[in-house]
Every structure is written in structure tokens, then in C-alpha cells.
């Protein structure tokens, strides 16, 4: 391990004794993950099938004919963010990527506050996805067998399966996620081919790409959903300590993931809307059966077999996304345990698999506890147990992205370290402004994500500033009690051959 200063990039293959912030025997497995393993992790976290079949109809209902372009614009904004984000990955390699970046750019106290927001956000998204899996799986079992099973029973299976895969070697998770991702993409491409086979070029209505179509009143809500569909791509940096040649792997994987998702989402939504006709698709999406729009398109343009297959694969899509966010959440807890910002026991690593074993167990128990409360309270598994924690988690991640973008600008402000102004000045500033504006709008219109009352929305959003302030106070206490330890916070960076 090497403790780096912000002014000097790491030397290749350098290694020294662990710092005080990182106890010996707590290192993750280095060199285990390649570029496309990383791509599978982050694209699977975005859950393309769930994003297109489960969320895109709502985006179409809000954004109207400009929705395909909205996905492209969202991808462009996040590509700007990725430009600066990956530039900073050359200097900071830490399993707690967001908070380490913010600490280096905006100060350690702000970084510690961001660290707590990160742990809360990634855990909440993972917990919500567990419930989402339970809903899809219970419905699938009933459709296929006629047997009614409780959603929470399916969710328990998901939690157990994710915990086992999270404990095992990280490369196994990559293989599982890669398989699920390929199947999701294939069925959507088959749907696209079916639509184009029936409608030909008429399905590719260029009016949907007219920038003036983004001026409607519902466009802001559409952009919230569109940006949310990319959530998880930033996790490439979380795996930098386990990546082969992270100076190349992390930037390549990030841009591949963002580019693929932007083009794939935009094309899939564009063709599907063209299949029904742009105006008719907007009417269908806003109607009582709008949530079935993609499945209806599969049945109409390809056949019942594809619609049935998609109903099954949306279950695996939810499992893959849950696994990806579980891995991210566990690594954030591992990183904070290593720093002493959470119990140091969380920095334990399995000697056999190299996984953050203690964090995997704690994360799984947290998910189990929340699901148990939801089940005992007889809460709606989708509208409450899924959407409520997921809404808070996505909001937290958007805020962290905005802070990280500003941190990149601050980090390179006095010394661009040979990089272009476009990459480390203008791209971070523009992405900060864009993400900041969307974060403010999301907070003001949080009910679009949760469907809850203003009082509930306030209660769901309140934990984010609360844990941030707690982080500031913890950092202040550490600085007063142990200035040397404070200076070591976020300095754990790793690079291996």
C-alpha cells in the first residue's frame, strides 16, 4: 500500500507497509478485475431491462416525444462527469471512491460527511432492490406455476444468494453479472429487431430527436428518471483497488459503460415508441396499462415467447442489480472501517476469497432487518419497501456525483497536471451545474420518485443531511483529538501491477 499526496501520481507497482488507517491483513484482492468485468458490474447495476421495461414507460409519459433524446442528453451530462471523475482516478484509488475524491478536492471534513452519505445511499438502494426482486419473483412464480408465494420469501432468497456471491471471489460476481447482462441486452435487441421488421424505417421517427421536443412541462421529471437509469456507473472507481492496471481499466470501463447505456437506452426507447407511433406511444405510456407497454410490444411485434422470457429475465435483472449494489455498499463499509470511520472490524477480508467478508455480513443483515420490518408492517413491497429507500439512495448518489464533480475542479484548479482544461476544468464545472440543478429539482419534486406525501418525503430526505452533518462532526472530533490520524484520512491508495 502507498500513502500518496494529491500532487504526485502513484508509481507503478509501488508497495510499502500499510498506513495507520489500514491495518495489515485487510487488503482486497488486487489485479482480480479487468475492464469488461468492471463494465459488467456497473451496467448490470443499472439493470437495462428493468430500466427499459419498468421505468421507461413512466419517462415517456412525462417527457413525451423527446424522451429518447432525453436519455442521450443525460448520457452526455454523465460523460462530462466521467471525464473529470476518471482523471482523478489516476491520483486517488480507494474503495470509497466518492468520499476519497471529495476529501481530496473539498477537504477531509466534507469527505467524511460524504462517506456517511455514501454508505447510507448504496445500502438503501441495495435494500430497495431486494424488495423489487421479491415482487418480480413472486409474480413470476405465480404466473408460471399458479402458486402464490409471499414477496418477502423470494426476497430472503435474494438476500441469501447475494450474500454468498458477495462473500466469494469478486470474479465470480462478475461472471454472474455478465451472464445476466448479456441476456437482458439480447431480449431487448430481439424486441428492437421485431419492431424494425414490422415497421421498417417508419419506426425510426426523427421527430423524436428534435431538441425543441424537450421543452414540455414534464421534461424535468423525465430527466430525473433518465439520469436515475444510469445510477451505478460511477462504481468503476470503487473497484480500483481490485482492478488490473487501474490507470487504464477504470477510465476505459467508465466511458464504455456510460456510452453503452446512453446509446442503448436511447435506441431501445426510440424504436419502441416508433413501433406504436410516437404520439400513440405517449398516450399508451400515460394510460392505465402503461407499465405493460414494453411487454405488450414484445407480444405484438415478436411473440408471446419473448414477452414471457422478458417477464423471467426482469427477475434476473433485479437480482443482478442487487448484487452489484451489494458489492458497492460492502466496499464502502470496508473502506470506512479501514479508515476507522466505522468499526474497524468492517475492514476484515476473507483470507480465502479476498472479499470484504465482515462488510458483506453486516450489509446482508441490514437488508434482512429492513425487509423484516416491511413484511411485519404489511407495507406495500413495491411502493414502500422498494421505492422509498431506493428514492433516498438515488438522491444521495446524485448529490455525491455533484460534490465529486466540484471536487475534481478544485483538485486540478491550481495544477492541471498536464491534462486539458476541457477534461479537468470545464467538464467538471458543467457536470456540477447540471447534476446540482437536477438534485435540487429532485428534492423539490421527490414525490415523483416515491409517490408519497410531503411529510413522508421530508422524512425520507432528512437522513441525507443528518448523516452528512454527523460526518462533519466526526471529522472535527478526530482533528481535535488526533491531528496526525486526521491527516491520514482518505490517503489509502492502492495500485498493483
Protein backbone atom coordinates (compact mmCIF):
# COMPACT_ATOMS: atom_id res chain seq x y z
CA UNK A 1 0.00 0.00 0.00
CA UNK A 2 1.17 3.53 -0.55
CA UNK A 3 0.11 6.77 1.02
CA UNK A 4 0.01 9.39 -1.71
CA UNK A 5 -0.10 13.13 -1.72
CA UNK A 6 -2.50 14.78 -4.16
CA UNK A 7 0.40 16.31 -6.03
CA UNK A 8 2.10 13.11 -7.06
CA UNK A 9 0.59 10.28 -9.09
CA UNK A 10 1.34 6.75 -7.90
CA UNK A 11 4.35 4.91 -9.18
CA UNK A 12 3.50 1.72 -10.98
CA UNK A 13 3.85 -1.35 -8.82
CA UNK A 14 4.92 0.60 -5.72
CA UNK A 15 4.12 -1.05 -2.42
CA UNK A 16 5.02 -0.32 1.19
CA UNK A 17 3.81 -1.09 4.68
CA UNK A 18 0.20 -0.39 5.49
CA UNK A 19 -0.65 3.00 6.90
CA UNK A 20 -2.17 3.54 10.30
CA UNK A 21 -5.51 3.87 8.63
CA UNK A 22 -5.23 0.47 7.08
CA UNK A 23 -4.45 -2.46 9.37
CA UNK A 24 -2.31 -5.24 7.99
CA UNK A 25 -4.23 -8.18 6.57
CA UNK A 26 -7.16 -6.11 5.34
CA UNK A 27 -6.24 -5.71 1.68
CA UNK A 28 -8.70 -6.60 -1.07
CA UNK A 29 -7.57 -8.92 -3.84
CA UNK A 30 -5.53 -6.88 -6.31
CA UNK A 31 -5.47 -7.48 -10.05
CA UNK A 32 -8.67 -9.54 -10.00
CA UNK A 33 -10.89 -7.38 -12.22
CA UNK A 34 -10.43 -6.45 -15.86
CA UNK A 35 -12.05 -3.72 -17.95
CA UNK A 36 -15.05 -5.74 -19.07
CA UNK A 37 -15.55 -7.22 -15.59
CA UNK A 38 -15.95 -3.63 -14.42
CA UNK A 39 -18.31 -2.85 -17.28
CA UNK A 40 -20.46 -5.84 -16.31
CA UNK A 41 -20.57 -4.67 -12.68
CA UNK A 42 -21.75 -1.15 -13.44
CA UNK A 43 -24.04 -1.84 -16.40
CA UNK A 44 -25.69 -4.69 -14.51
CA UNK A 45 -26.20 -2.29 -11.60
CA UNK A 46 -28.11 -0.03 -13.99
CA UNK A 47 -30.32 -3.06 -14.82
CA UNK A 48 -31.06 -2.27 -18.51
CA UNK A 49 -34.13 -4.49 -18.76
CA UNK A 50 -35.64 -3.07 -15.59
CA UNK A 51 -34.78 0.46 -16.75
CA UNK A 52 -36.41 -0.02 -20.17
CA UNK A 53 -39.36 -2.26 -19.27
CA UNK A 54 -40.06 -0.93 -15.79
CA UNK A 55 -39.12 2.75 -15.88
CA UNK A 56 -39.05 3.97 -19.50
CA UNK A 57 -42.88 3.99 -19.88
CA UNK A 58 -43.13 6.45 -16.99
CA UNK A 59 -40.38 8.57 -18.56
CA UNK A 60 -42.27 8.56 -21.89
CA UNK A 61 -45.48 9.59 -20.14
CA UNK A 62 -43.66 12.59 -18.62
CA UNK A 63 -41.27 13.55 -21.40
CA UNK A 64 -43.40 12.77 -24.44
CA UNK A 65 -41.82 12.51 -27.87
CA UNK A 66 -38.47 13.90 -26.71
CA UNK A 67 -37.78 11.02 -24.30
CA UNK A 68 -35.19 9.19 -26.49
CA UNK A 69 -33.23 12.42 -26.82
CA UNK A 70 -33.55 12.88 -23.06
CA UNK A 71 -31.58 9.67 -22.50
CA UNK A 72 -28.86 10.91 -24.86
CA UNK A 73 -28.66 14.28 -23.11
CA UNK A 74 -28.48 12.55 -19.71
CA UNK A 75 -25.70 10.32 -21.00
CA UNK A 76 -23.81 13.36 -22.32
CA UNK A 77 -24.05 15.08 -18.91
CA UNK A 78 -22.74 11.98 -17.15
CA UNK A 79 -19.98 11.61 -19.75
CA UNK A 80 -18.84 15.13 -18.77
CA UNK A 81 -18.86 13.98 -15.15
CA UNK A 82 -16.92 10.84 -16.12
CA UNK A 83 -14.22 12.91 -17.85
CA UNK A 84 -13.18 14.58 -14.61
CA UNK A 85 -14.05 11.59 -12.44
CA UNK A 86 -11.68 9.31 -14.35
CA UNK A 87 -8.97 11.97 -14.44
CA UNK A 88 -8.98 11.98 -10.65
CA UNK A 89 -8.91 8.17 -10.59
CA UNK A 90 -5.29 8.46 -11.78
CA UNK A 91 -4.41 10.04 -8.44
CA UNK A 92 -6.87 8.50 -5.98
CA UNK A 93 -7.53 4.76 -5.75
CA UNK A 94 -9.76 3.93 -2.83
CA UNK A 95 -12.70 1.55 -2.39
CA UNK A 96 -14.62 4.54 -1.00
CA UNK A 97 -14.23 6.43 -4.27
CA UNK A 98 -16.71 9.28 -3.86
CA UNK A 99 -15.70 10.29 -0.37
CA UNK A 100 -11.98 9.97 -1.15
CA UNK A 101 -12.39 12.23 -4.19
CA UNK A 102 -14.42 14.80 -2.28
CA UNK A 103 -11.92 14.78 0.59
CA UNK A 104 -9.00 15.45 -1.75
CA UNK A 105 -10.80 18.28 -3.54
CA UNK A 106 -13.01 19.91 -0.90
CA UNK A 107 -11.37 18.94 2.37
CA UNK A 108 -11.35 15.92 4.64
CA UNK A 109 -14.32 17.03 6.75
CA UNK A 110 -16.57 17.31 3.69
CA UNK A 111 -15.15 13.98 2.54
CA UNK A 112 -16.10 12.25 5.78
CA UNK A 113 -19.62 13.70 5.54
CA UNK A 114 -19.83 12.35 2.00
CA UNK A 115 -18.56 8.99 3.25
CA UNK A 116 -21.53 8.57 5.54
CA UNK A 117 -23.93 9.65 2.80
CA UNK A 118 -22.32 7.04 0.51
CA UNK A 119 -22.76 4.21 2.99
CA UNK A 120 -26.38 5.17 3.59
CA UNK A 121 -27.20 5.63 -0.10
CA UNK A 122 -25.68 2.44 -1.50
CA UNK A 123 -27.16 0.35 1.30
CA UNK A 124 -30.62 1.83 0.76
CA UNK A 125 -30.53 1.21 -2.99
CA UNK A 126 -29.47 -2.39 -2.41
CA UNK A 127 -32.18 -2.96 0.19
CA UNK A 128 -34.84 -1.50 -2.10
CA UNK A 129 -33.68 -3.71 -4.96
CA UNK A 130 -34.02 -6.79 -2.73
CA UNK A 131 -37.71 -5.96 -2.32
CA UNK A 132 -38.02 -5.25 -6.05
CA UNK A 133 -36.65 -8.72 -6.77
CA UNK A 134 -39.14 -10.22 -4.34
CA UNK A 135 -42.06 -8.55 -6.13
CA UNK A 136 -40.93 -9.66 -9.59
CA UNK A 137 -40.05 -13.18 -8.43
CA UNK A 138 -43.32 -13.73 -6.57
CA UNK A 139 -45.28 -12.58 -9.62
CA UNK A 140 -43.20 -14.80 -11.90
CA UNK A 141 -43.70 -17.88 -9.76
CA UNK A 142 -47.45 -17.33 -9.67
CA UNK A 143 -47.63 -16.76 -13.44
CA UNK A 144 -45.63 -19.90 -14.22
CA UNK A 145 -47.00 -22.31 -11.59
CA UNK A 146 -50.19 -20.76 -10.26
CA UNK A 147 -48.73 -20.97 -6.74
CA UNK A 148 -48.88 -17.81 -4.67
CA UNK A 149 -45.72 -17.15 -2.65
CA UNK A 150 -45.03 -14.18 -0.35
CA UNK A 151 -42.78 -11.47 -1.77
CA UNK A 152 -40.67 -11.48 1.36
CA UNK A 153 -39.92 -15.19 0.93
CA UNK A 154 -38.46 -14.51 -2.51
CA UNK A 155 -36.60 -11.52 -1.09
CA UNK A 156 -34.96 -13.71 1.56
CA UNK A 157 -33.71 -15.99 -1.22
CA UNK A 158 -32.27 -12.95 -2.97
CA UNK A 159 -30.52 -11.70 0.18
CA UNK A 160 -29.00 -15.13 0.79
CA UNK A 161 -27.86 -15.55 -2.82
CA UNK A 162 -26.35 -12.09 -2.96
CA UNK A 163 -24.56 -12.63 0.38
CA UNK A 164 -22.99 -15.87 -0.85
CA UNK A 165 -21.81 -14.31 -4.11
CA UNK A 166 -20.59 -11.22 -2.26
CA UNK A 167 -18.51 -13.44 0.04
CA UNK A 168 -16.96 -15.44 -2.79
CA UNK A 169 -14.31 -14.18 -5.18
CA UNK A 170 -15.25 -10.94 -6.90
CA UNK A 171 -14.56 -12.52 -10.30
CA UNK A 172 -17.48 -14.93 -9.73
CA UNK A 173 -19.81 -11.98 -9.21
CA UNK A 174 -18.53 -10.53 -12.48
CA UNK A 175 -19.38 -13.75 -14.33
CA UNK A 176 -22.89 -13.87 -12.86
CA UNK A 177 -23.49 -10.22 -13.68
CA UNK A 178 -22.06 -10.61 -17.15
CA UNK A 179 -24.36 -13.53 -17.96
CA UNK A 180 -27.44 -11.69 -16.70
CA UNK A 181 -26.47 -8.56 -18.61
CA UNK A 182 -25.96 -10.37 -21.91
CA UNK A 183 -29.39 -12.00 -21.64
CA UNK A 184 -31.07 -8.67 -20.82
CA UNK A 185 -29.46 -6.94 -23.76
CA UNK A 186 -30.27 -9.80 -26.13
CA UNK A 187 -34.01 -9.82 -25.42
CA UNK A 188 -34.23 -6.05 -25.89
CA UNK A 189 -32.31 -6.30 -29.16
CA UNK A 190 -34.71 -9.04 -30.30
CA UNK A 191 -37.58 -6.68 -29.50
CA UNK A 192 -35.89 -3.89 -31.49
CA UNK A 193 -35.40 -6.26 -34.42
CA UNK A 194 -39.05 -7.32 -34.24
CA UNK A 195 -40.28 -3.73 -34.30
CA UNK A 196 -37.98 -2.82 -37.20
CA UNK A 197 -39.03 -5.98 -39.04
CA UNK A 198 -42.69 -4.96 -38.85
CA UNK A 199 -42.38 -1.20 -39.19
CA UNK A 200 -39.14 -0.73 -41.08
CA UNK A 201 -37.63 2.75 -41.09
CA UNK A 202 -41.03 4.17 -40.08
CA UNK A 203 -40.16 3.06 -36.55
CA UNK A 204 -37.22 5.49 -36.52
CA UNK A 205 -39.15 8.77 -36.41
CA UNK A 206 -36.58 11.58 -36.42
CA UNK A 207 -39.08 13.98 -34.84
CA UNK A 208 -38.26 12.30 -31.53
CA UNK A 209 -34.72 13.69 -31.83
CA UNK A 210 -35.83 17.31 -32.27
CA UNK A 211 -34.31 19.37 -29.40
CA UNK A 212 -37.44 21.53 -29.20
CA UNK A 213 -39.34 18.42 -28.05
CA UNK A 214 -37.55 18.68 -24.70
CA UNK A 215 -39.37 21.86 -23.74
CA UNK A 216 -42.53 20.23 -22.38
CA UNK A 217 -43.70 20.63 -18.80
CA UNK A 218 -42.91 17.03 -17.91
CA UNK A 219 -39.36 17.07 -19.29
CA UNK A 220 -37.79 17.70 -15.88
CA UNK A 221 -39.46 14.60 -14.43
CA UNK A 222 -38.34 12.59 -17.45
CA UNK A 223 -34.74 13.70 -16.91
CA UNK A 224 -34.92 12.55 -13.27
CA UNK A 225 -35.88 9.07 -14.39
CA UNK A 226 -33.38 9.08 -17.26
CA UNK A 227 -30.42 10.03 -15.04
CA UNK A 228 -31.58 7.51 -12.46
CA UNK A 229 -31.31 4.80 -15.15
CA UNK A 230 -27.53 5.35 -15.18
CA UNK A 231 -27.16 5.06 -11.41
CA UNK A 232 -24.25 2.79 -10.53
CA UNK A 233 -21.91 3.58 -13.43
CA UNK A 234 -19.67 5.58 -11.09
CA UNK A 235 -18.90 2.37 -9.18
CA UNK A 236 -16.00 1.65 -11.55
CA UNK A 237 -13.75 3.64 -9.21
CA UNK A 238 -14.91 1.65 -6.18
CA UNK A 239 -13.16 -1.42 -7.63
CA UNK A 240 -9.90 0.40 -8.44
CA UNK A 241 -8.07 -1.46 -5.65
CA UNK A 242 -9.07 -4.79 -7.20
CA UNK A 243 -8.57 -3.82 -10.85
CA UNK A 244 -5.77 -4.81 -13.18
CA UNK A 245 -3.88 -1.66 -14.21
CA UNK A 246 -6.45 0.76 -12.74
CA UNK A 247 -4.88 3.74 -14.56
CA UNK A 248 -6.34 2.27 -17.76
CA UNK A 249 -9.07 -0.06 -16.54
CA UNK A 250 -11.15 2.47 -14.58
CA UNK A 251 -11.34 5.21 -17.26
CA UNK A 252 -11.96 2.73 -20.08
CA UNK A 253 -14.69 0.88 -18.19
CA UNK A 254 -16.39 4.13 -17.13
CA UNK A 255 -16.62 5.57 -20.63
CA UNK A 256 -17.66 2.22 -22.14
CA UNK A 257 -20.43 1.89 -19.54
CA UNK A 258 -21.77 5.44 -19.94
CA UNK A 259 -21.57 5.34 -23.73
CA UNK A 260 -23.22 1.95 -23.98
CA UNK A 261 -26.05 2.85 -21.61
CA UNK A 262 -26.77 6.18 -23.31
CA UNK A 263 -26.92 4.69 -26.81
CA UNK A 264 -28.72 1.52 -25.73
CA UNK A 265 -31.42 3.29 -23.73
CA UNK A 266 -31.99 5.95 -26.37
CA UNK A 267 -32.20 3.42 -29.23
CA UNK A 268 -34.43 0.98 -27.34
CA UNK A 269 -36.89 3.70 -26.29
CA UNK A 270 -36.81 5.34 -29.74
CA UNK A 271 -37.57 2.12 -31.62
CA UNK A 272 -40.24 1.03 -29.16
CA UNK A 273 -42.01 4.40 -29.43
CA UNK A 274 -41.72 4.20 -33.20
CA UNK A 275 -43.31 0.78 -33.16
CA UNK A 276 -46.55 2.14 -31.76
CA UNK A 277 -46.14 5.55 -33.39
CA UNK A 278 -44.69 8.43 -31.39
CA UNK A 279 -47.95 10.07 -30.37
CA UNK A 280 -49.72 6.75 -29.72
CA UNK A 281 -46.83 5.55 -27.57
CA UNK A 282 -47.11 8.66 -25.39
CA UNK A 283 -50.84 8.01 -24.99
CA UNK A 284 -50.25 4.34 -24.08
CA UNK A 285 -47.46 5.18 -21.61
CA UNK A 286 -49.71 7.65 -19.80
CA UNK A 287 -52.66 5.26 -19.69
CA UNK A 288 -53.69 2.67 -17.09
CA UNK A 289 -51.69 -0.09 -18.79
CA UNK A 290 -48.60 1.99 -19.41
CA UNK A 291 -46.41 -0.19 -17.20
CA UNK A 292 -47.02 -3.12 -19.56
CA UNK A 293 -46.01 -1.15 -22.65
CA UNK A 294 -42.72 -2.97 -23.33
CA UNK A 295 -44.19 -6.41 -22.68
CA UNK A 296 -47.14 -5.59 -24.96
CA UNK A 297 -44.67 -4.52 -27.66
CA UNK A 298 -42.81 -7.82 -27.28
CA UNK A 299 -46.05 -9.79 -27.65
CA UNK A 300 -47.23 -7.71 -30.62
CA UNK A 301 -44.03 -7.47 -32.66
CA UNK A 302 -42.26 -10.75 -31.80
CA UNK A 303 -44.48 -13.18 -29.96
CA UNK A 304 -45.73 -14.40 -26.60
CA UNK A 305 -42.49 -16.29 -26.03
CA UNK A 306 -40.48 -13.06 -25.91
CA UNK A 307 -42.91 -11.39 -23.52
CA UNK A 308 -42.73 -14.45 -21.24
CA UNK A 309 -38.95 -14.51 -21.49
CA UNK A 310 -38.79 -10.84 -20.53
CA UNK A 311 -41.00 -11.47 -17.52
CA UNK A 312 -38.47 -14.07 -16.34
CA UNK A 313 -35.37 -12.05 -17.17
CA UNK A 314 -36.62 -8.96 -15.36
CA UNK A 315 -36.28 -11.12 -12.23
CA UNK A 316 -32.63 -11.90 -13.03
CA UNK A 317 -32.15 -8.24 -13.93
CA UNK A 318 -33.29 -7.21 -10.45
CA UNK A 319 -31.00 -9.86 -8.88
CA UNK A 320 -28.02 -8.65 -10.91
CA UNK A 321 -28.64 -5.04 -9.89
CA UNK A 322 -28.99 -6.09 -6.24
CA UNK A 323 -25.68 -7.97 -6.38
CA UNK A 324 -23.89 -5.03 -7.99
CA UNK A 325 -25.13 -2.56 -5.36
CA UNK A 326 -24.42 -5.05 -2.58
CA UNK A 327 -20.80 -5.25 -3.73
CA UNK A 328 -20.56 -1.44 -3.88
CA UNK A 329 -22.17 -0.97 -0.44
CA UNK A 330 -19.91 -3.59 1.15
CA UNK A 331 -16.81 -1.94 -0.28
CA UNK A 332 -17.83 1.46 1.06
CA UNK A 333 -18.28 -0.05 4.53
CA UNK A 334 -14.93 -1.82 4.14
CA UNK A 335 -13.23 1.45 3.20
CA UNK A 336 -14.74 3.34 6.13
CA UNK A 337 -13.86 0.52 8.52
CA UNK A 338 -10.28 0.73 7.28
CA UNK A 339 -10.29 4.46 8.00
CA UNK A 340 -11.77 3.95 11.46
CA UNK A 341 -14.85 5.99 10.49
CA UNK A 342 -16.93 2.87 11.09
CA UNK A 343 -15.96 -0.09 13.31
CA UNK A 344 -12.59 -1.38 12.11
CA UNK A 345 -13.96 -4.91 12.10
CA UNK A 346 -15.66 -3.97 8.82
CA UNK A 347 -12.20 -3.84 7.22
CA UNK A 348 -11.84 -7.60 7.62
CA UNK A 349 -11.15 -9.50 4.42
CA UNK A 350 -11.69 -13.22 3.87
CA UNK A 351 -8.25 -14.85 3.56
CA UNK A 352 -9.69 -17.43 1.17
CA UNK A 353 -11.70 -15.28 -1.22
CA UNK A 354 -10.26 -11.79 -0.75
CA UNK A 355 -13.74 -10.31 -0.29
CA UNK A 356 -14.71 -7.74 2.39
CA UNK A 357 -16.33 -10.50 4.44
CA UNK A 358 -17.40 -8.57 7.55
CA UNK A 359 -18.97 -5.82 5.45
CA UNK A 360 -20.80 -8.44 3.36
CA UNK A 361 -22.33 -9.94 6.51
CA UNK A 362 -23.33 -6.58 8.01
CA UNK A 363 -24.83 -5.35 4.74
CA UNK A 364 -26.87 -8.55 4.41
CA UNK A 365 -28.14 -8.26 7.98
CA UNK A 366 -29.21 -4.66 7.36
CA UNK A 367 -31.18 -5.74 4.31
CA UNK A 368 -32.76 -8.57 6.28
CA UNK A 369 -33.79 -6.21 9.09
CA UNK A 370 -35.46 -3.66 6.79
CA UNK A 371 -37.28 -6.35 4.80
CA UNK A 372 -38.48 -7.97 8.03
CA UNK A 373 -39.89 -4.65 9.25
CA UNK A 374 -41.63 -4.11 5.90
CA UNK A 375 -43.11 -7.60 5.93
CA UNK A 376 -44.31 -7.39 9.54
CA UNK A 377 -45.83 -3.96 8.89
CA UNK A 378 -47.57 -5.34 5.79
CA UNK A 379 -46.14 -2.44 3.78
CA UNK A 380 -46.59 -2.46 0.02
CA UNK A 381 -43.40 -4.19 -1.18
CA UNK A 382 -43.06 -2.13 -4.36
CA UNK A 383 -44.44 1.29 -3.47
CA UNK A 384 -42.91 1.39 0.01
CA UNK A 385 -40.18 -1.20 0.65
CA UNK A 386 -38.67 -0.68 -2.82
CA UNK A 387 -39.42 2.92 -3.83
CA UNK A 388 -38.90 4.66 -0.50
CA UNK A 389 -35.34 3.51 0.31
CA UNK A 390 -34.43 3.49 -3.39
CA UNK A 391 -35.58 7.10 -3.81
CA UNK A 392 -33.45 8.26 -0.88
CA UNK A 393 -30.47 6.24 -2.11
CA UNK A 394 -30.65 7.59 -5.67
CA UNK A 395 -30.97 11.13 -4.35
CA UNK A 396 -27.87 10.63 -2.20
CA UNK A 397 -25.88 9.30 -5.14
CA UNK A 398 -26.87 12.27 -7.31
CA UNK A 399 -25.74 14.68 -4.59
CA UNK A 400 -22.43 12.81 -4.26
CA UNK A 401 -21.91 12.99 -8.01
CA UNK A 402 -22.40 16.76 -7.90
CA UNK A 403 -19.95 17.11 -4.98
CA UNK A 404 -17.43 14.83 -6.67
CA UNK A 405 -17.60 16.93 -9.86
CA UNK A 406 -16.89 20.08 -7.86
CA UNK A 407 -14.09 18.27 -6.02
CA UNK A 408 -12.42 17.34 -9.32
CA UNK A 409 -12.42 21.00 -10.37
CA UNK A 410 -10.93 22.05 -7.01
CA UNK A 411 -8.32 19.26 -7.12
CA UNK A 412 -6.96 20.35 -10.52
CA UNK A 413 -7.62 24.09 -10.15
CA UNK A 414 -4.04 25.15 -9.41
CA UNK A 415 -2.27 22.38 -11.32
CA UNK A 416 -3.91 20.56 -14.24
CA UNK A 417 -1.05 18.02 -14.15
CA UNK A 418 -0.70 18.08 -17.89
CA UNK A 419 -4.38 17.43 -18.60
CA UNK A 420 -6.59 19.53 -20.83
CA UNK A 421 -8.77 22.29 -19.41
CA UNK A 422 -11.76 20.65 -21.07
CA UNK A 423 -11.29 17.46 -19.03
CA UNK A 424 -10.41 18.85 -15.60
CA UNK A 425 -11.96 22.34 -15.59
CA UNK A 426 -14.92 22.75 -17.91
CA UNK A 427 -16.27 19.19 -17.86
CA UNK A 428 -16.36 19.01 -14.02
CA UNK A 429 -17.89 22.50 -13.74
CA UNK A 430 -20.60 21.84 -16.32
CA UNK A 431 -21.45 18.46 -14.80
CA UNK A 432 -21.57 20.01 -11.32
CA UNK A 433 -24.03 22.64 -12.51
CA UNK A 434 -26.17 20.07 -14.32
CA UNK A 435 -26.16 17.48 -11.54
CA UNK A 436 -26.68 20.17 -8.92
CA UNK A 437 -29.71 21.53 -10.76
CA UNK A 438 -31.21 18.05 -11.13
CA UNK A 439 -30.54 17.31 -7.44
CA UNK A 440 -32.39 20.46 -6.36
CA UNK A 441 -35.29 19.65 -8.64
CA UNK A 442 -35.37 16.06 -7.37
CA UNK A 443 -35.59 17.29 -3.79
CA UNK A 444 -38.41 19.68 -4.64
CA UNK A 445 -40.33 17.07 -6.60
CA UNK A 446 -39.32 13.99 -4.63
CA UNK A 447 -42.88 12.68 -4.79
CA UNK A 448 -42.27 11.84 -8.46
CA UNK A 449 -39.99 9.06 -7.26
CA UNK A 450 -41.83 7.90 -4.12
CA UNK A 451 -45.50 8.66 -4.71
CA UNK A 452 -45.66 9.63 -1.02
CA UNK A 453 -46.95 12.68 0.89
CA UNK A 454 -44.83 15.77 1.53
CA UNK A 455 -44.37 14.73 5.16
CA UNK A 456 -43.12 11.28 4.19
CA UNK A 457 -40.86 12.74 1.52
CA UNK A 458 -39.31 15.07 4.08
CA UNK A 459 -38.73 12.13 6.40
CA UNK A 460 -37.09 10.16 3.60
CA UNK A 461 -34.79 13.01 2.58
CA UNK A 462 -33.83 14.11 6.11
CA UNK A 463 -31.33 11.26 6.75
CA UNK A 464 -29.07 12.56 3.97
CA UNK A 465 -28.21 15.94 5.55
CA UNK A 466 -28.26 14.35 9.02
CA UNK A 467 -25.58 11.76 8.25
CA UNK A 468 -23.58 14.38 6.35
CA UNK A 469 -23.52 16.64 9.42
CA UNK A 470 -22.62 13.65 11.60
CA UNK A 471 -19.67 13.07 9.29
CA UNK A 472 -18.56 16.69 9.66
CA UNK A 473 -18.74 16.39 13.47
CA UNK A 474 -16.81 13.10 13.46
CA UNK A 475 -14.09 14.65 11.32
CA UNK A 476 -13.94 17.67 13.64
CA UNK A 477 -13.59 15.39 16.67
CA UNK A 478 -10.80 13.38 15.04
CA UNK A 479 -8.96 16.56 14.04
CA UNK A 480 -9.01 17.85 17.62
CA UNK A 481 -8.15 14.55 19.29
CA UNK A 482 -5.59 13.16 16.83
CA UNK A 483 -4.36 15.59 14.14
CA UNK A 484 -1.96 13.00 12.73
CA UNK A 485 -4.75 10.49 12.17
CA UNK A 486 -6.90 13.21 10.62
CA UNK A 487 -4.20 13.91 8.05
CA UNK A 488 -4.17 10.22 7.10
CA UNK A 489 -7.91 10.07 6.35
CA UNK A 490 -8.65 9.17 2.70
CA UNK A 491 -4.94 8.70 1.98
CA UNK A 492 -5.11 4.96 1.42
CA UNK A 493 -4.49 4.41 -2.28
CA UNK A 494 -3.53 1.19 -3.96
CA UNK A 495 -2.00 0.30 -7.27
CA UNK A 496 -0.62 -3.08 -8.18
CA UNK A 497 0.88 -4.48 -11.34
